[in-house]
Amino acid sequence: MSLICILICLNATSQNAEAIYGTYLIDEGDSKVEIYQSANGISGKVVWLKKEANGEGPVFDIENSDASLRSRPILGLVVFEGLMYKNGKWYGNIYSPRKGRFVDAAFAINKETGGLDVKIKVAFLTFSRYWARE
């Protein structure tokens, strides 16, 4: 009987962790990130950029502190991998092309909209963002 309970609990945790999968328009409205299961865990990549959709040409990772990475395109860039799920939230490091560095982030599904409430921590500051589910 206890084995059945463990299997049900593991399945429920897996289903909750998968609730984040989908495509989101980030709060600035200029890009979309797809969150999915990869070989490296829960990952996210840039799948749409407003500038490229408007025909302004490719956008590159020009703010990256590593000069050798500044010529890589943002479209298709994996901005996080291996998010950890705990108590209804996902935690990990996310790459910010605007800042050219990784920042700590926590994601929670907004119960009213189905989008994501994102908390980004930089040093001693915490910023709140909202990503709308597509």
Protein backbone atom coordinates (compact mmCIF):
# COMPACT_ATOMS: atom_id res chain seq x y z
CA MET A 1 0.00 0.00 0.00
CA SER A 2 2.79 2.47 0.86
CA LEU A 3 4.45 1.81 -2.52
CA ILE A 4 1.25 2.89 -4.28
CA CYS A 5 1.18 6.10 -2.21
CA ILE A 6 4.81 6.86 -3.09
CA LEU A 7 4.14 6.33 -6.81
CA ILE A 8 1.06 8.57 -6.72
CA CYS A 9 2.98 11.29 -4.85
CA LEU A 10 5.90 11.12 -7.32
CA ASN A 11 3.51 11.34 -10.26
CA ALA A 12 1.73 14.37 -8.72
CA THR A 13 5.07 16.12 -8.15
CA SER A 14 6.10 15.41 -11.75
CA GLN A 15 2.79 16.81 -13.06
CA ASN A 16 3.18 19.95 -10.96
CA ALA A 17 6.75 20.46 -12.13
CA GLU A 18 5.57 20.19 -15.74
CA ALA A 19 2.93 22.92 -15.28
CA ILE A 20 5.53 25.52 -16.28
CA TYR A 21 5.98 24.07 -19.81
CA GLY A 22 4.82 26.43 -22.54
CA THR A 23 5.65 29.64 -24.37
CA TYR A 24 5.66 33.02 -22.62
CA LEU A 25 5.79 36.62 -23.79
CA ILE A 26 8.17 38.33 -21.40
CA ASP A 27 7.03 41.51 -19.68
CA GLU A 28 8.90 43.88 -21.99
CA GLY A 29 6.91 42.37 -24.89
CA ASP A 30 9.93 42.08 -27.14
CA SER A 31 10.68 38.36 -26.87
CA LYS A 32 9.13 34.97 -26.17
CA VAL A 33 10.68 32.14 -24.20
CA GLU A 34 9.65 28.50 -24.56
CA ILE A 35 10.00 26.41 -21.39
CA TYR A 36 10.37 22.68 -22.00
CA GLN A 37 11.91 19.43 -20.76
CA SER A 38 15.40 18.85 -22.14
CA ALA A 39 18.19 16.39 -21.39
CA ASN A 40 19.44 19.01 -18.88
CA GLY A 41 16.12 19.32 -17.03
CA ILE A 42 13.63 22.15 -17.32
CA SER A 43 15.06 24.55 -19.88
CA GLY A 44 14.08 27.75 -21.61
CA LYS A 45 15.07 29.22 -24.94
CA VAL A 46 14.26 32.35 -26.90
CA VAL A 47 11.83 31.45 -29.71
CA TRP A 48 10.69 34.90 -30.92
CA LEU A 49 12.14 38.41 -31.01
CA LYS A 50 10.09 41.47 -31.90
CA LYS A 51 13.02 43.14 -33.70
CA GLU A 52 13.51 40.13 -35.98
CA ALA A 53 9.76 39.77 -36.57
CA ASN A 54 9.71 43.45 -37.64
CA GLY A 55 12.49 42.77 -40.15
CA GLU A 56 15.18 44.67 -38.23
CA GLY A 57 17.67 41.85 -38.73
CA PRO A 58 19.23 39.37 -36.32
CA VAL A 59 19.87 40.32 -32.70
CA PHE A 60 23.14 39.25 -31.13
CA ASP A 61 24.38 38.74 -27.57
CA ILE A 62 26.36 42.00 -27.64
CA GLU A 63 26.20 42.63 -23.86
CA ASN A 64 27.90 39.34 -22.99
CA SER A 65 30.95 39.83 -20.77
CA ASP A 66 32.71 37.12 -22.80
CA ALA A 67 33.71 38.85 -26.04
CA SER A 68 33.85 35.51 -27.89
CA LEU A 69 30.08 35.04 -27.33
CA ARG A 70 28.93 38.49 -28.52
CA SER A 71 28.37 37.31 -32.08
CA ARG A 72 25.94 34.52 -31.13
CA PRO A 73 22.29 35.14 -32.05
CA ILE A 74 19.72 35.63 -29.29
CA LEU A 75 17.01 33.81 -31.27
CA GLY A 76 17.31 30.14 -30.29
CA LEU A 77 19.56 30.91 -27.32
CA VAL A 78 19.00 28.66 -24.29
CA VAL A 79 18.73 31.14 -21.41
CA PHE A 80 18.35 28.59 -18.62
CA GLU A 81 18.61 24.87 -17.93
CA GLY A 82 18.02 22.60 -14.98
CA LEU A 83 15.39 24.59 -13.08
CA MET A 84 14.64 22.94 -9.75
CA TYR A 85 11.01 22.52 -8.66
CA LYS A 86 10.09 22.85 -4.99
CA ASN A 87 6.81 23.73 -3.26
CA GLY A 88 5.08 25.12 -6.33
CA LYS A 89 8.03 27.21 -7.55
CA TRP A 90 10.93 26.74 -9.93
CA TYR A 91 14.41 28.02 -9.07
CA GLY A 92 17.61 28.48 -11.01
CA ASN A 93 19.91 30.82 -12.88
CA ILE A 94 18.67 32.61 -15.97
CA TYR A 95 20.81 34.34 -18.55
CA SER A 96 19.84 37.94 -19.25
CA PRO A 97 20.94 39.02 -22.74
CA ARG A 98 20.14 42.62 -21.74
CA LYS A 99 22.69 42.44 -18.92
CA GLY A 100 25.03 39.87 -20.46
CA ARG A 101 25.13 37.75 -17.30
CA PHE A 102 23.30 35.11 -15.27
CA VAL A 103 20.97 36.12 -12.43
CA ASP A 104 19.11 34.10 -9.79
CA ALA A 105 15.43 33.62 -10.58
CA ALA A 106 12.31 32.06 -9.08
CA PHE A 107 9.22 31.31 -11.15
CA ALA A 108 5.66 30.76 -9.91
CA ILE A 109 2.49 30.25 -11.91
CA ASN A 110 0.06 33.13 -11.44
CA LYS A 111 -3.19 31.42 -10.39
CA GLU A 112 -5.38 34.14 -11.94
CA THR A 113 -3.77 34.38 -15.40
CA GLY A 114 -1.75 31.19 -15.87
CA GLY A 115 1.30 33.30 -16.68
CA LEU A 116 4.51 33.37 -14.67
CA ASP A 117 5.43 35.64 -11.80
CA VAL A 118 9.20 35.92 -12.00
CA LYS A 119 11.43 37.15 -9.18
CA ILE A 120 14.94 38.08 -10.26
CA LYS A 121 17.63 38.65 -7.68
CA VAL A 122 20.68 40.75 -8.46
CA ALA A 123 23.02 41.26 -5.51
CA PHE A 124 20.78 42.58 -2.72
CA LEU A 125 17.95 43.69 -5.01
CA THR A 126 14.91 41.69 -6.10
CA PHE A 127 12.86 42.61 -9.17
CA SER A 128 9.40 41.30 -10.05
CA ARG A 129 8.47 40.51 -13.63
CA TYR A 130 5.47 38.94 -15.31
CA TRP A 131 5.58 36.61 -18.31
CA ALA A 132 2.24 36.07 -20.12
CA ARG A 133 1.46 32.52 -21.25
CA GLU A 134 0.86 32.28 -24.98
